[in-house]
Amino acid sequence: METEQSSPFLDLELLHGYLDSLGKPIVEQMFALYCQQVKIYLNDIESAQVNNSLSGWQEHCHKMKGATASVGMYKLHGQLKLLEHTAASQQQKLVLLTEVKLENEQAILAFKEWLASH
């Protein structure tokens, strides 16, 4: 078994399991789908923030949380888990959303680098 540096962004054990059981082409498809869908999730979360919709915020954070779990983005998943049930103000949620967008970009980059190395 190969040894690999741990990632602050990715659940490498889960991702290696995917590679072993599904193969790289399927993992690439899963990641591509995540990259498409996450744009929708982020737009929906932003819309909920702008409209100050608590139920929309929770629903869309929940959907994105599930998507991040399925592609092993555990740091982002943990962040969304907290955001889903936050009692933050509309203004605070704007800051939190900005952080999620940055975290998402970092997780996508980490995933691309991990995928390229396998």
Protein backbone atom coordinates (compact mmCIF):
# COMPACT_ATOMS: atom_id res chain seq x y z
CA MET A 1 0.00 0.00 0.00
CA GLU A 2 1.34 3.39 -0.93
CA THR A 3 1.92 6.05 1.64
CA GLU A 4 0.67 9.50 0.88
CA GLN A 5 0.69 12.81 2.65
CA SER A 6 -2.59 13.54 4.37
CA SER A 7 -4.62 16.34 2.90
CA PRO A 8 -6.22 19.11 4.92
CA PHE A 9 -9.04 19.17 2.36
CA LEU A 10 -9.66 15.58 1.23
CA ASP A 11 -10.65 12.26 2.76
CA LEU A 12 -7.89 10.30 1.02
CA GLU A 13 -9.02 6.96 2.47
CA LEU A 14 -12.46 7.40 0.89
CA LEU A 15 -10.99 8.57 -2.42
CA HIS A 16 -8.55 5.65 -2.61
CA GLY A 17 -11.46 3.32 -1.95
CA TYR A 18 -13.30 4.91 -4.87
CA LEU A 19 -10.26 4.49 -7.10
CA ASP A 20 -9.87 0.83 -6.11
CA SER A 21 -13.52 -0.09 -6.49
CA LEU A 22 -14.74 2.21 -9.28
CA GLY A 23 -11.63 3.10 -11.25
CA LYS A 24 -10.21 6.48 -12.19
CA PRO A 25 -12.66 7.26 -15.06
CA ILE A 26 -15.65 7.02 -12.70
CA VAL A 27 -13.91 9.12 -10.04
CA GLU A 28 -13.17 11.72 -12.73
CA GLN A 29 -16.86 11.70 -13.72
CA MET A 30 -17.94 12.11 -10.10
CA PHE A 31 -15.59 15.06 -9.71
CA ALA A 32 -16.75 16.65 -12.98
CA LEU A 33 -20.36 16.34 -11.83
CA TYR A 34 -19.48 17.93 -8.49
CA CYS A 35 -17.79 20.84 -10.29
CA GLN A 36 -20.94 21.40 -12.38
CA GLN A 37 -23.38 21.07 -9.49
CA VAL A 38 -21.43 23.13 -6.96
CA LYS A 39 -21.98 26.26 -9.06
CA ILE A 40 -25.74 25.71 -8.69
CA TYR A 41 -25.44 25.02 -4.96
CA LEU A 42 -23.40 28.17 -4.37
CA ASN A 43 -25.82 30.29 -6.42
CA ASP A 44 -28.74 28.85 -4.45
CA ILE A 45 -27.02 29.51 -1.11
CA GLU A 46 -26.22 33.05 -2.23
CA SER A 47 -29.82 33.61 -3.30
CA ALA A 48 -31.03 32.40 0.11
CA GLN A 49 -28.58 34.77 1.80
CA VAL A 50 -29.68 37.75 -0.33
CA ASN A 51 -33.35 36.98 0.33
CA ASN A 52 -32.64 36.29 4.01
CA SER A 53 -34.35 32.89 3.65
CA LEU A 54 -33.50 30.63 6.58
CA SER A 55 -35.17 27.56 5.07
CA GLY A 56 -33.46 28.15 1.70
CA TRP A 57 -30.10 28.65 3.39
CA GLN A 58 -30.48 25.40 5.34
CA GLU A 59 -31.75 23.42 2.34
CA HIS A 60 -29.00 24.51 -0.03
CA CYS A 61 -26.22 24.19 2.54
CA HIS A 62 -27.53 20.68 3.22
CA LYS A 63 -27.42 19.75 -0.49
CA MET A 64 -23.90 21.08 -0.93
CA LYS A 65 -22.84 19.35 2.30
CA GLY A 66 -23.98 16.03 0.85
CA ALA A 67 -22.18 16.67 -2.42
CA THR A 68 -18.91 17.50 -0.65
CA ALA A 69 -19.17 14.31 1.41
CA SER A 70 -19.64 12.20 -1.70
CA VAL A 71 -16.39 13.50 -3.23
CA GLY A 72 -14.41 13.34 0.01
CA MET A 73 -14.05 17.08 0.64
CA TYR A 74 -14.17 16.65 4.38
CA LYS A 75 -12.97 20.10 5.46
CA LEU A 76 -15.59 21.83 3.32
CA HIS A 77 -18.18 19.26 4.47
CA GLY A 78 -17.46 20.16 8.09
CA GLN A 79 -17.78 23.85 7.34
CA LEU A 80 -21.15 23.35 5.63
CA LYS A 81 -22.35 21.17 8.50
CA LEU A 82 -21.89 24.16 10.81
CA LEU A 83 -23.34 26.66 8.34
CA GLU A 84 -26.45 24.61 7.71
CA HIS A 85 -27.66 25.31 11.25
CA THR A 86 -26.03 28.66 11.96
CA ALA A 87 -27.98 31.41 13.65
CA ALA A 88 -25.81 34.04 11.93
CA SER A 89 -27.30 37.29 10.68
CA GLN A 90 -27.81 37.97 6.98
CA GLN A 91 -24.61 40.05 6.94
CA GLN A 92 -22.64 37.36 8.78
CA LYS A 93 -23.89 34.78 6.28
CA LEU A 94 -22.43 36.88 3.46
CA VAL A 95 -19.01 36.56 5.10
CA LEU A 96 -19.54 32.82 5.70
CA LEU A 97 -20.56 32.32 2.06
CA THR A 98 -17.41 34.09 0.88
CA GLU A 99 -15.37 31.70 3.06
CA VAL A 100 -17.22 28.68 1.63
CA LYS A 101 -16.51 29.83 -1.93
CA LEU A 102 -12.80 30.17 -1.15
CA GLU A 103 -12.74 26.82 0.65
CA ASN A 104 -14.49 25.21 -2.31
CA GLU A 105 -11.87 26.56 -4.73
CA GLN A 106 -9.09 25.21 -2.52
CA ALA A 107 -10.79 21.80 -2.25
CA ILE A 108 -11.28 21.61 -6.02
CA LEU A 109 -7.62 22.44 -6.57
CA ALA A 110 -6.57 19.81 -4.01
CA PHE A 111 -8.80 17.23 -5.70
CA LYS A 112 -7.37 18.04 -9.15
CA GLU A 113 -3.83 17.69 -7.82
CA TRP A 114 -4.68 14.42 -6.10
CA LEU A 115 -6.36 13.05 -9.22
CA ALA A 116 -3.44 14.05 -11.45
CA SER A 117 -1.07 12.14 -9.17
CA HIS A 118 -3.03 8.87 -9.51
